[in-house]
Amino acid sequence: MNIHKKENNYSFKVLCFFTIVFFLAPLYLCAQVTSSIDTTSIKIGEQITYKIQVEADTTDLVVFPEGQTFMPLEMIESYKVDTTKVKARLKLIKRYGLTQFDSGSYTIPKQKIVIGTKTVFTDSLKVEVRAIAVDTTKQNLYDIKPMIEVEKASSDWWKYLLIGLLIAGLAGFLLYWLIWRKKPLTEEEEIALLPPYDRAKLALKKLDGSDYLQREELKDYYSELTFIIRKYLDEKVYDRALESTTDELVNRLHLLRDANKIELSTDDINNIETILKRADLVKFAKSAPDIELAKIDRNTIDLEIDQVRDALPELTEEQKLRNKQYEQEQAKKKKLEKILLTVAASILIMIATYVGFGLKYGFKYVADSIVGSDTKELLEGEWVQSDYGIPPISISTPIVLERVEMAKDTTQNTKISMFTYGNFSSPLYISLSTTKLSEDNETELDPLAVAEMQIKTFENNGTQNIIVKREQFITPNAAEGLKVYGTGSLPGEAAGEFKPMEYAVFVFTAKGVMQQITLIWNNQDDYTNQTVERIINSIELIKPKEE
């Protein structure tokens, strides 16, 4: 009997042990994974650091969650895993940066952790996202100021005009100097312009100044001498005199004489033939005539040049007219060549200038500067820094905003002042309004509700595919407000046509007053994007001076 009792007690203890192990094993496993956040309450757009800590064996593979598994919170950054070895185990810490752009109470869902072959889930955590508390300073409210005339600053257009004139003047000077200027002629060019007779006489004088005879270089001497007479005959008598043999040239002279086209005597032709044949002997048969004979031949050629000139018939009026027309045609041809060269050089200068400025400033910018761009002129024009509304908002814009007359709301007893530029279909639309409640109404308006009303206005105007984002906005002078921004599609001029747009709405609220700035622009235009960025950076709320 006692033996059975002991066996039953032993069995009961074993059963209790396994029961405890069965229930405590998961607890032990859960104790390996912990999750926490650095704060449970944040403002819209602030970051939470979510931390997962895992203790595991060195042989276990640990897989942390990746991607947007923290919804409704958004993961904006995933940090590297910190690993620490504690005795025979590893301590792993994984951090995530989370945020939310809408106010409310949110729950971070359980996260799945894989440790070796086991799967563990973290605890869910609650986070409170607070709306932005906006207080634009406790400022007194005053009546709307009357419109004042803003004096436009002087423009620097004359500087650009002066630079353009200097560049054009330099280019014109280079074209004149290199193309149109009458350049001084070289000696060869001056000789080429002389009549054939004068050139032949000048060539003989240069031959006299040579030292061919002193060095007894008769071959070179006779080559020069015969070239002079052949060149003259080629230009004035027979246009193949340079390439003809001596016999061919002499026969041609006889034929011309017999045809009464040249009044040259037989003795003159014989003298020319004798010298040409002597020159052939010197050049090809290596004959060596006396130096004095060479001088006599030189004088004979000089005389025969005169005889040929006298033997040539006078030009008829028709020939003179034909020569004059030829000279005119040549002059026109040279002028046309200069014009074409000037046009080509001008085009080359313009291309080189465009490429140079394009490489420095960008080709689109240079093209827009030449052709003209409204948005570029808006960006680079004279900007105006001005205050609008009461309490005043200081803002810098490329053009003064125009006041819009608003109908008074007698039921709510509110005063609204509005200033605008452009419209929804313009490349840039600016709207600035100040709403002042009655003096006994100190209600602080909800900036988020105001922004949602503006989004509703977009929808009423046919805007589609509106993406809405929210974040806190702080001006350079530390005034806090709400910024609602995003993109959408505006209806175009044609039916069914839509064009992309980007918008930004800034709302500042205080007791009894609401200030709003709305910007809508074509985000496909770089100049407009730069204009909007400059406008946004200039927004400031002006604090009234304390009396």
Protein backbone atom coordinates (compact mmCIF):
# COMPACT_ATOMS: atom_id res chain seq x y z
CA MET A 1 0.00 0.00 0.00
CA ASN A 2 2.79 2.42 0.89
CA ILE A 3 4.63 1.40 -2.23
CA HIS A 4 1.69 2.38 -4.39
CA LYS A 5 1.40 5.71 -2.62
CA LYS A 6 5.09 6.44 -3.20
CA GLU A 7 4.74 5.59 -6.89
CA ASN A 8 1.72 7.84 -7.15
CA ASN A 9 3.58 10.71 -5.44
CA TYR A 10 6.54 10.25 -7.78
CA SER A 11 4.29 10.28 -10.84
CA PHE A 12 2.54 13.38 -9.58
CA LYS A 13 5.87 15.21 -9.10
CA VAL A 14 7.02 14.29 -12.61
CA LEU A 15 3.74 15.50 -14.04
CA CYS A 16 4.04 18.81 -12.14
CA PHE A 17 7.59 19.27 -13.37
CA PHE A 18 6.70 18.86 -17.03
CA THR A 19 3.64 21.07 -16.56
CA ILE A 20 5.79 23.83 -15.12
CA VAL A 21 8.33 23.41 -17.93
CA PHE A 22 5.54 23.49 -20.53
CA PHE A 23 4.12 26.76 -19.25
CA LEU A 24 7.39 28.47 -18.31
CA ALA A 25 9.29 27.61 -21.51
CA PRO A 26 7.35 30.15 -23.59
CA LEU A 27 7.81 32.68 -20.83
CA TYR A 28 11.52 32.06 -20.89
CA LEU A 29 11.53 32.37 -24.65
CA CYS A 30 9.58 35.64 -24.45
CA ALA A 31 12.04 36.96 -21.97
CA GLN A 32 14.65 36.73 -24.75
CA VAL A 33 12.87 39.46 -26.78
CA THR A 34 11.87 42.91 -25.48
CA SER A 35 10.59 46.01 -27.29
CA SER A 36 10.40 49.64 -26.20
CA ILE A 37 10.06 53.20 -27.48
CA ASP A 38 11.86 56.31 -26.28
CA THR A 39 8.63 58.28 -25.84
CA THR A 40 4.91 57.60 -25.90
CA SER A 41 3.85 61.11 -26.95
CA ILE A 42 5.11 63.15 -29.91
CA LYS A 43 4.12 66.09 -32.07
CA ILE A 44 3.07 65.62 -35.68
CA GLY A 45 6.10 64.71 -37.77
CA GLU A 46 8.46 64.05 -34.84
CA GLN A 47 10.46 60.82 -34.73
CA ILE A 48 10.08 57.89 -32.33
CA THR A 49 12.96 55.48 -31.76
CA TYR A 50 11.56 51.94 -31.57
CA LYS A 51 14.00 49.41 -30.05
CA ILE A 52 13.95 45.60 -30.17
CA GLN A 53 16.38 43.72 -27.89
CA VAL A 54 17.10 40.01 -28.44
CA GLU A 55 19.23 37.57 -26.45
CA ALA A 56 20.14 34.45 -28.39
CA ASP A 57 22.74 31.73 -28.69
CA THR A 58 25.74 32.42 -30.86
CA THR A 59 24.57 29.71 -33.26
CA ASP A 60 21.07 31.13 -33.76
CA LEU A 61 20.20 33.20 -36.81
CA VAL A 62 18.08 36.24 -35.83
CA VAL A 63 15.86 37.92 -38.43
CA PHE A 64 14.39 41.34 -37.54
CA PRO A 65 11.33 42.87 -39.25
CA GLU A 66 11.96 44.95 -42.37
CA GLY A 67 9.75 47.28 -44.41
CA GLN A 68 6.58 49.10 -43.37
CA THR A 69 5.48 46.60 -40.71
CA PHE A 70 4.81 49.33 -38.14
CA MET A 71 1.67 50.74 -39.76
CA PRO A 72 -0.16 52.97 -38.99
CA LEU A 73 3.21 54.55 -38.11
CA GLU A 74 5.67 55.07 -40.93
CA MET A 75 9.22 53.76 -40.75
CA ILE A 76 11.59 56.46 -41.96
CA GLU A 77 14.91 54.83 -41.03
CA SER A 78 16.23 51.38 -40.10
CA TYR A 79 19.48 51.45 -38.09
CA LYS A 80 22.20 48.82 -38.05
CA VAL A 81 22.05 46.04 -35.45
CA ASP A 82 24.22 46.54 -32.35
CA THR A 83 25.76 43.24 -31.21
CA THR A 84 27.23 42.57 -27.76
CA LYS A 85 28.52 39.21 -26.51
CA VAL A 86 27.51 38.40 -22.92
CA LYS A 87 29.20 35.22 -21.72
CA ALA A 88 28.10 32.48 -24.14
CA ARG A 89 25.13 34.42 -25.57
CA LEU A 90 24.65 37.35 -27.94
CA LYS A 91 22.72 40.50 -27.12
CA LEU A 92 21.30 42.11 -30.29
CA ILE A 93 19.67 45.56 -30.37
CA LYS A 94 17.80 46.81 -33.47
CA ARG A 95 16.45 50.37 -33.66
CA TYR A 96 13.91 51.93 -36.04
CA GLY A 97 12.92 55.55 -36.65
CA LEU A 98 9.12 55.92 -36.83
CA THR A 99 6.81 58.91 -37.34
CA GLN A 100 3.20 59.91 -38.07
CA PHE A 101 1.84 63.04 -39.78
CA ASP A 102 -1.71 62.83 -38.46
CA SER A 103 -2.67 63.51 -34.87
CA GLY A 104 -4.39 60.79 -32.82
CA SER A 105 -3.77 57.71 -30.71
CA TYR A 106 -2.00 54.87 -32.52
CA THR A 107 -0.88 51.34 -31.67
CA ILE A 108 2.39 49.94 -32.95
CA PRO A 109 1.49 46.33 -33.85
CA LYS A 110 3.33 43.25 -32.68
CA GLN A 111 6.53 42.63 -34.59
CA LYS A 112 7.66 39.21 -35.77
CA ILE A 113 11.18 38.08 -34.76
CA VAL A 114 12.69 34.83 -36.05
CA ILE A 115 15.32 33.26 -33.76
CA GLY A 116 16.78 30.13 -35.28
CA THR A 117 13.76 27.92 -35.98
CA LYS A 118 11.47 29.75 -33.54
CA THR A 119 9.19 32.71 -34.15
CA VAL A 120 8.58 35.31 -31.41
CA PHE A 121 6.31 38.36 -31.36
CA THR A 122 6.94 41.59 -29.45
CA ASP A 123 4.33 43.41 -27.41
CA SER A 124 2.18 46.09 -29.07
CA LEU A 125 2.85 49.66 -27.91
CA LYS A 126 0.64 52.75 -27.84
CA VAL A 127 1.74 56.17 -29.06
CA GLU A 128 -0.04 59.52 -28.79
CA VAL A 129 0.52 61.95 -31.71
CA ARG A 130 -0.40 65.47 -30.63
CA ALA A 131 -1.73 68.20 -32.90
CA ILE A 132 0.52 71.23 -33.33
CA ALA A 133 -0.19 73.89 -30.78
CA VAL A 134 0.06 77.12 -32.72
CA ASP A 135 0.42 80.45 -30.94
CA THR A 136 1.61 83.32 -33.07
CA THR A 137 2.26 85.50 -29.98
CA LYS A 138 -0.35 87.41 -28.10
CA GLN A 139 -0.70 90.40 -30.34
CA ASN A 140 -3.18 93.22 -30.48
CA LEU A 141 -5.37 93.50 -33.55
CA TYR A 142 -5.80 96.70 -35.53
CA ASP A 143 -7.88 97.85 -38.45
CA ILE A 144 -6.72 97.15 -41.97
CA LYS A 145 -4.21 99.69 -43.20
CA PRO A 146 -5.00 101.62 -46.36
CA MET A 147 -3.23 100.68 -49.58
CA ILE A 148 0.09 102.39 -50.15
CA GLU A 149 2.04 102.72 -53.34
CA VAL A 150 5.17 100.61 -53.48
CA GLU A 151 8.06 102.18 -55.31
CA LYS A 152 9.62 99.69 -57.65
CA ALA A 153 13.36 99.38 -57.34
CA SER A 154 15.51 100.45 -60.24
CA SER A 155 16.42 97.77 -62.74
CA ASP A 156 19.90 96.84 -63.93
CA TRP A 157 18.78 96.32 -67.51
CA TRP A 158 21.33 98.85 -68.74
CA LYS A 159 24.16 96.63 -67.47
CA TYR A 160 22.99 93.71 -69.59
CA LEU A 161 22.52 96.06 -72.56
CA LEU A 162 26.05 97.39 -72.10
CA ILE A 163 27.51 93.87 -71.91
CA GLY A 164 25.58 92.88 -75.05
CA LEU A 165 26.80 95.97 -76.93
CA LEU A 166 30.40 95.29 -75.88
CA ILE A 167 30.20 91.68 -77.09
CA ALA A 168 28.59 92.75 -80.37
CA GLY A 169 31.18 95.51 -80.82
CA LEU A 170 34.06 93.09 -80.19
CA ALA A 171 32.63 90.57 -82.64
CA GLY A 172 32.11 93.30 -85.26
CA PHE A 173 35.66 94.56 -84.81
CA LEU A 174 37.08 91.05 -85.26
CA LEU A 175 35.02 90.49 -88.40
CA TYR A 176 36.13 93.83 -89.85
CA TRP A 177 39.78 93.30 -88.97
CA LEU A 178 39.97 89.74 -90.28
CA ILE A 179 37.64 89.95 -93.30
CA TRP A 180 36.61 93.44 -94.47
CA ARG A 181 39.73 95.42 -93.68
CA LYS A 182 41.84 96.30 -96.71
CA LYS A 183 45.00 94.45 -95.79
CA PRO A 184 48.45 95.71 -96.91
CA LEU A 185 49.66 93.76 -99.93
CA THR A 186 52.80 91.68 -99.91
CA GLU A 187 55.47 92.26 -102.53
CA GLU A 188 54.29 89.22 -104.48
CA GLU A 189 50.67 90.44 -104.39
CA GLU A 190 51.69 93.93 -105.55
CA ILE A 191 53.66 92.46 -108.46
CA ALA A 192 50.73 90.21 -109.39
CA LEU A 193 48.49 93.27 -109.70
CA LEU A 194 50.82 94.96 -112.21
CA PRO A 195 50.06 94.77 -115.97
CA PRO A 196 51.95 92.00 -117.83
CA TYR A 197 54.32 94.46 -119.51
CA ASP A 198 55.32 96.10 -116.20
CA ARG A 199 55.76 92.69 -114.57
CA ALA A 200 58.04 91.57 -117.42
CA LYS A 201 60.18 94.73 -117.12
CA LEU A 202 60.38 94.35 -113.33
CA ALA A 203 61.40 90.70 -113.73
CA LEU A 204 64.25 91.74 -116.03
CA LYS A 205 65.50 94.22 -113.44
CA LYS A 206 65.44 91.53 -110.76
CA LEU A 207 67.37 89.26 -113.15
CA ASP A 208 70.01 91.99 -113.51
CA GLY A 209 70.33 92.09 -109.73
CA SER A 210 70.93 88.36 -109.49
CA ASP A 211 74.43 86.83 -109.37
CA TYR A 212 73.82 84.11 -111.93
CA LEU A 213 76.37 85.59 -114.39
CA GLN A 214 78.96 86.25 -111.71
CA ARG A 215 78.79 82.60 -110.67
CA GLU A 216 78.47 81.53 -114.31
CA GLU A 217 75.18 79.79 -113.64
CA LEU A 218 74.02 80.22 -117.25
CA LYS A 219 71.42 77.47 -117.04
CA ASP A 220 69.50 79.29 -114.30
CA TYR A 221 70.05 82.62 -116.01
CA TYR A 222 68.58 81.49 -119.34
CA SER A 223 65.72 79.69 -117.57
CA GLU A 224 64.69 82.96 -115.91
CA LEU A 225 65.19 84.95 -119.11
CA THR A 226 63.10 82.68 -121.31
CA PHE A 227 60.39 82.35 -118.63
CA ILE A 228 60.02 86.15 -118.68
CA ILE A 229 59.39 86.33 -122.44
CA ARG A 230 57.24 83.17 -122.45
CA LYS A 231 55.12 84.48 -119.54
CA TYR A 232 54.56 87.79 -121.33
CA LEU A 233 53.64 86.08 -124.61
CA ASP A 234 51.34 83.69 -122.68
CA GLU A 235 49.37 86.57 -121.19
CA LYS A 236 49.26 88.87 -124.23
CA VAL A 237 49.69 86.78 -127.40
CA TYR A 238 49.34 83.01 -127.07
CA ASP A 239 47.82 81.47 -123.94
CA ARG A 240 49.88 78.25 -124.29
CA ALA A 241 53.26 79.84 -124.62
CA LEU A 242 54.51 78.45 -121.27
CA GLU A 243 53.78 74.80 -122.15
CA SER A 244 54.72 74.94 -125.84
CA THR A 245 58.09 73.90 -127.27
CA THR A 246 60.23 76.47 -128.97
CA ASP A 247 59.20 75.35 -132.47
CA GLU A 248 55.50 75.29 -131.52
CA LEU A 249 55.68 78.81 -130.08
CA VAL A 250 57.59 80.20 -133.09
CA ASN A 251 55.14 78.60 -135.53
CA ARG A 252 52.23 80.11 -133.57
CA LEU A 253 53.83 83.58 -133.80
CA HIS A 254 54.20 83.20 -137.57
CA LEU A 255 50.57 82.15 -137.91
CA LEU A 256 49.36 85.09 -135.84
CA ARG A 257 51.45 87.46 -137.93
CA ASP A 258 50.17 85.98 -141.18
CA ALA A 259 46.61 86.30 -139.86
CA ASN A 260 47.28 89.98 -139.11
CA LYS A 261 46.50 89.45 -135.45
CA ILE A 262 49.88 90.74 -134.39
CA GLU A 263 52.14 93.15 -136.30
CA LEU A 264 55.43 91.49 -135.43
CA SER A 265 58.29 91.48 -137.95
CA THR A 266 60.17 88.39 -139.10
CA ASP A 267 63.35 89.70 -137.49
CA ASP A 268 61.61 90.01 -134.11
CA ILE A 269 60.29 86.45 -134.35
CA ASN A 270 63.74 85.22 -135.41
CA ASN A 271 65.38 87.00 -132.47
CA ILE A 272 62.96 85.36 -130.06
CA GLU A 273 63.53 81.98 -131.72
CA THR A 274 67.32 82.32 -131.54
CA ILE A 275 67.33 83.12 -127.82
CA LEU A 276 64.81 80.35 -127.00
CA LYS A 277 66.88 77.75 -128.89
CA ARG A 278 70.09 78.96 -127.25
CA ALA A 279 68.40 78.58 -123.92
CA ASP A 280 67.34 75.03 -124.88
CA LEU A 281 70.95 74.20 -125.70
CA VAL A 282 72.11 75.61 -122.39
CA LYS A 283 69.48 73.72 -120.41
CA PHE A 284 69.52 70.39 -122.24
CA ALA A 285 72.79 70.20 -124.20
CA LYS A 286 74.86 71.85 -121.50
CA SER A 287 76.08 74.50 -123.94
CA ALA A 288 78.04 77.35 -122.38
CA PRO A 289 77.74 80.62 -124.32
CA ASP A 290 79.85 83.62 -123.47
CA ILE A 291 78.78 85.84 -120.58
CA GLU A 292 78.66 88.86 -122.87
CA LEU A 293 76.41 86.97 -125.28
CA ALA A 294 74.07 86.25 -122.38
CA LYS A 295 73.92 89.99 -121.60
CA ILE A 296 73.18 90.72 -125.27
CA ASP A 297 70.36 88.14 -125.19
CA ARG A 298 68.96 89.85 -122.10
CA ASN A 299 68.86 93.20 -123.89
CA THR A 300 67.36 91.56 -126.97
CA ILE A 301 64.52 90.12 -124.84
CA ASP A 302 63.98 93.54 -123.32
CA LEU A 303 63.70 95.03 -126.77
CA GLU A 304 61.41 92.26 -128.06
CA ILE A 305 59.01 92.76 -125.15
CA ASP A 306 58.68 96.37 -126.31
CA GLN A 307 58.20 95.21 -129.88
CA VAL A 308 55.48 92.73 -128.88
CA ARG A 309 53.65 95.41 -126.90
CA ASP A 310 53.75 97.76 -129.88
CA ALA A 311 52.69 94.97 -132.23
CA LEU A 312 49.57 94.16 -130.26
CA PRO A 313 46.38 95.64 -131.71
CA GLU A 314 44.42 98.17 -129.71
CA LEU A 315 41.55 96.79 -127.70
CA THR A 316 38.15 97.37 -129.23
CA GLU A 317 35.38 98.96 -127.22
CA GLU A 318 33.73 95.59 -126.96
CA GLN A 319 36.90 94.06 -125.49
CA LYS A 320 37.29 96.94 -123.06
CA LEU A 321 33.67 96.53 -121.99
CA ARG A 322 34.19 92.79 -121.62
CA ASN A 323 37.28 93.39 -119.49
CA LYS A 324 35.40 95.90 -117.35
CA GLN A 325 32.54 93.46 -116.86
CA TYR A 326 35.04 90.77 -115.90
CA GLU A 327 36.60 93.07 -113.32
CA GLN A 328 33.17 93.91 -111.93
CA GLU A 329 32.25 90.26 -111.74
CA GLN A 330 35.49 89.50 -109.94
CA ALA A 331 34.81 92.34 -107.48
CA LYS A 332 31.27 91.02 -106.88
CA LYS A 333 32.63 87.53 -106.40
CA LYS A 334 35.12 88.73 -103.82
CA LYS A 335 32.42 90.73 -102.04
CA LEU A 336 30.12 87.71 -102.00
CA GLU A 337 32.93 85.59 -100.60
CA LYS A 338 33.43 88.16 -97.83
CA ILE A 339 29.70 88.19 -97.05
CA LEU A 340 29.53 84.40 -96.88
CA LEU A 341 32.65 84.33 -94.75
CA THR A 342 31.17 86.97 -92.43
CA VAL A 343 27.91 85.02 -92.07
CA ALA A 344 29.80 81.78 -91.40
CA ALA A 345 32.08 83.50 -88.86
CA SER A 346 29.07 85.15 -87.16
CA ILE A 347 27.26 81.82 -86.88
CA LEU A 348 30.42 80.21 -85.52
CA ILE A 349 30.83 83.01 -82.95
CA MET A 350 27.19 82.67 -81.86
CA ILE A 351 27.51 78.88 -81.56
CA ALA A 352 30.75 79.20 -79.61
CA THR A 353 29.17 81.81 -77.33
CA TYR A 354 26.09 79.66 -76.78
CA VAL A 355 28.19 76.58 -76.00
CA GLY A 356 30.46 78.54 -73.67
CA PHE A 357 27.63 80.10 -71.68
CA GLY A 358 25.70 76.81 -71.85
CA LEU A 359 28.56 74.89 -70.24
CA LYS A 360 28.80 77.51 -67.50
CA TYR A 361 25.14 78.35 -66.82
CA GLY A 362 23.24 75.48 -68.49
CA PHE A 363 21.92 75.29 -72.06
CA LYS A 364 18.26 75.62 -71.04
CA TYR A 365 19.02 78.76 -69.05
CA VAL A 366 20.89 80.32 -71.99
CA ALA A 367 18.13 79.34 -74.45
CA ASP A 368 15.47 80.83 -72.17
CA SER A 369 17.56 83.99 -71.81
CA ILE A 370 17.68 84.36 -75.60
CA VAL A 371 14.11 83.32 -76.46
CA GLY A 372 12.58 84.66 -73.26
CA SER A 373 10.69 82.94 -70.43
CA ASP A 374 7.96 84.54 -68.31
CA THR A 375 8.78 82.40 -65.28
CA LYS A 376 12.51 83.15 -65.62
CA GLU A 377 11.82 86.88 -65.82
CA LEU A 378 9.58 86.54 -62.77
CA LEU A 379 12.35 84.84 -60.82
CA GLU A 380 15.11 87.24 -61.87
CA GLY A 381 13.03 90.43 -61.72
CA GLU A 382 12.92 92.98 -58.93
CA TRP A 383 11.34 91.34 -55.87
CA VAL A 384 9.19 93.20 -53.37
CA GLN A 385 9.36 92.67 -49.60
CA SER A 386 6.10 93.87 -48.09
CA ASP A 387 3.72 93.40 -45.14
CA TYR A 388 0.13 92.30 -45.73
CA GLY A 389 -2.87 92.21 -43.42
CA ILE A 390 -3.38 92.97 -39.72
CA PRO A 391 -1.61 91.37 -37.91
CA PRO A 392 0.94 91.73 -40.71
CA ILE A 393 2.60 88.91 -42.60
CA SER A 394 5.92 89.83 -44.17
CA ILE A 395 6.61 88.07 -47.45
CA SER A 396 8.88 88.60 -50.45
CA THR A 397 7.26 88.15 -53.87
CA PRO A 398 8.35 88.82 -57.47
CA ILE A 399 5.38 91.18 -57.86
CA VAL A 400 3.18 93.14 -55.46
CA LEU A 401 0.08 91.20 -54.39
CA GLU A 402 -3.23 92.86 -55.25
CA ARG A 403 -5.92 93.41 -52.65
CA VAL A 404 -9.16 91.49 -53.24
CA GLU A 405 -12.35 93.09 -51.99
CA MET A 406 -14.13 90.60 -49.73
CA ALA A 407 -17.82 90.72 -48.78
CA LYS A 408 -18.29 91.23 -45.04
CA ASP A 409 -19.83 88.37 -43.08
CA THR A 410 -22.37 90.19 -40.88
CA THR A 411 -23.57 86.97 -39.25
CA GLN A 412 -20.13 86.01 -37.96
CA ASN A 413 -18.92 89.62 -37.63
CA THR A 414 -15.53 88.77 -39.16
CA LYS A 415 -13.12 90.87 -41.19
CA ILE A 416 -11.18 89.25 -44.00
CA SER A 417 -8.36 90.88 -45.93
CA MET A 418 -7.02 89.00 -48.95
CA PHE A 419 -4.17 89.64 -51.40
CA THR A 420 -3.51 87.54 -54.49
CA TYR A 421 -1.43 87.12 -57.62
CA GLY A 422 -2.45 84.99 -60.62
CA ASN A 423 -5.10 82.26 -60.62
CA PHE A 424 -5.32 78.47 -60.46
CA SER A 425 -4.43 78.08 -64.13
CA SER A 426 -1.39 80.41 -63.92
CA PRO A 427 2.15 79.01 -63.60
CA LEU A 428 2.15 80.57 -60.12
CA TYR A 429 -0.75 81.47 -57.84
CA ILE A 430 -0.25 83.29 -54.53
CA SER A 431 -3.02 83.97 -52.02
CA LEU A 432 -2.53 85.61 -48.63
CA SER A 433 -5.47 86.17 -46.27
CA THR A 434 -6.03 87.32 -42.70
CA THR A 435 -9.32 86.53 -40.95
CA LYS A 436 -10.10 88.53 -37.82
CA LEU A 437 -12.98 87.47 -35.59
CA SER A 438 -15.08 89.88 -33.56
CA GLU A 439 -13.46 91.42 -30.50
CA ASP A 440 -15.59 89.35 -28.09
CA ASN A 441 -14.78 86.13 -29.95
CA GLU A 442 -11.48 84.74 -28.73
CA THR A 443 -11.91 81.31 -30.28
CA GLU A 444 -8.65 79.74 -31.42
CA LEU A 445 -9.25 78.23 -34.85
CA ASP A 446 -8.09 74.73 -35.69
CA PRO A 447 -5.33 75.07 -38.31
CA LEU A 448 -5.94 71.53 -39.54
CA ALA A 449 -9.60 72.29 -40.19
CA VAL A 450 -8.61 75.46 -42.06
CA ALA A 451 -6.19 73.50 -44.25
CA GLU A 452 -8.83 70.88 -44.98
CA MET A 453 -11.19 73.62 -46.13
CA GLN A 454 -8.51 74.76 -48.59
CA ILE A 455 -8.11 71.19 -49.91
CA LYS A 456 -11.89 71.11 -50.35
CA THR A 457 -11.61 74.31 -52.40
CA PHE A 458 -9.10 72.56 -54.67
CA GLU A 459 -11.52 69.69 -55.18
CA ASN A 460 -14.38 72.10 -55.97
CA ASN A 461 -12.22 73.64 -58.70
CA GLY A 462 -11.80 70.25 -60.38
CA THR A 463 -8.40 69.29 -58.99
CA GLN A 464 -7.85 65.54 -58.97
CA ASN A 465 -5.35 63.06 -57.53
CA ILE A 466 -4.60 65.31 -54.57
CA ILE A 467 -1.86 64.01 -52.28
CA VAL A 468 -1.87 65.62 -48.84
CA LYS A 469 1.08 65.83 -46.43
CA ARG A 470 1.34 67.77 -43.19
CA GLU A 471 4.19 69.05 -41.09
CA GLN A 472 5.08 71.80 -38.67
CA PHE A 473 6.30 75.03 -40.20
CA ILE A 474 8.56 77.49 -38.36
CA THR A 475 9.31 80.90 -39.85
CA PRO A 476 12.77 82.51 -39.65
CA ASN A 477 11.55 84.62 -36.71
CA ALA A 478 10.42 81.45 -34.84
CA ALA A 479 6.65 81.71 -35.42
CA GLU A 480 5.06 78.25 -35.57
CA GLY A 481 2.33 77.16 -37.94
CA LEU A 482 1.00 74.24 -39.95
CA LYS A 483 2.15 73.43 -43.44
CA VAL A 484 -0.07 71.29 -45.66
CA TYR A 485 1.48 70.45 -49.00
CA GLY A 486 1.40 67.94 -51.83
CA THR A 487 0.66 67.46 -55.50
CA GLY A 488 -2.37 67.10 -57.74
CA SER A 489 -3.73 67.47 -61.26
CA LEU A 490 -5.39 70.72 -62.35
CA PRO A 491 -7.96 70.71 -65.16
CA GLY A 492 -6.52 72.10 -68.39
CA GLU A 493 -8.08 74.21 -71.12
CA ALA A 494 -9.23 71.26 -73.22
CA ALA A 495 -11.92 68.90 -72.00
CA GLY A 496 -10.45 65.95 -70.11
CA GLU A 497 -7.00 67.53 -70.03
CA PHE A 498 -5.11 67.76 -66.74
CA LYS A 499 -1.76 69.28 -65.89
CA PRO A 500 0.44 68.54 -62.85
CA MET A 501 0.62 71.05 -60.03
CA GLU A 502 2.13 71.38 -56.58
CA TYR A 503 0.67 73.30 -53.69
CA ALA A 504 1.58 74.47 -50.19
CA VAL A 505 -0.80 75.93 -47.59
CA PHE A 506 0.56 77.67 -44.48
CA VAL A 507 -1.84 78.32 -41.59
CA PHE A 508 -1.09 80.42 -38.49
CA THR A 509 -3.77 80.75 -35.83
CA ALA A 510 -4.15 82.62 -32.57
CA LYS A 511 -7.08 83.75 -30.44
CA GLY A 512 -9.49 85.59 -32.68
CA VAL A 513 -7.29 85.56 -35.79
CA MET A 514 -6.27 83.20 -38.58
CA GLN A 515 -3.60 83.86 -41.22
CA GLN A 516 -3.24 81.73 -44.33
CA ILE A 517 -0.85 81.64 -47.29
CA THR A 518 -1.65 79.45 -50.31
CA LEU A 519 0.80 78.72 -53.14
CA ILE A 520 -0.08 76.74 -56.27
CA TRP A 521 2.50 76.33 -59.02
CA ASN A 522 3.65 74.32 -62.01
CA ASN A 523 6.26 72.02 -60.53
CA GLN A 524 7.52 71.07 -64.00
CA ASP A 525 9.18 74.50 -64.36
CA ASP A 526 12.54 74.91 -62.60
CA TYR A 527 12.24 78.71 -62.45
CA THR A 528 8.84 78.51 -60.76
CA ASN A 529 10.16 75.97 -58.25
CA GLN A 530 12.99 78.34 -57.35
CA THR A 531 10.54 81.25 -57.11
CA VAL A 532 8.30 79.32 -54.70
CA GLU A 533 11.24 78.24 -52.57
CA ARG A 534 12.36 81.85 -52.25
CA ILE A 535 8.82 82.96 -51.32
CA ILE A 536 8.48 80.27 -48.64
CA ASN A 537 11.85 81.13 -47.10
CA SER A 538 10.78 84.78 -46.77
CA ILE A 539 7.54 84.20 -44.78
CA GLU A 540 7.56 85.89 -41.38
CA LEU A 541 4.90 86.93 -38.87
CA ILE A 542 5.45 90.48 -37.66
CA LYS A 543 5.00 91.02 -33.94
CA PRO A 544 3.43 94.36 -33.00
CA LYS A 545 5.56 96.72 -30.99
CA GLU A 546 4.61 96.91 -27.34
CA GLU A 547 3.44 100.34 -26.33
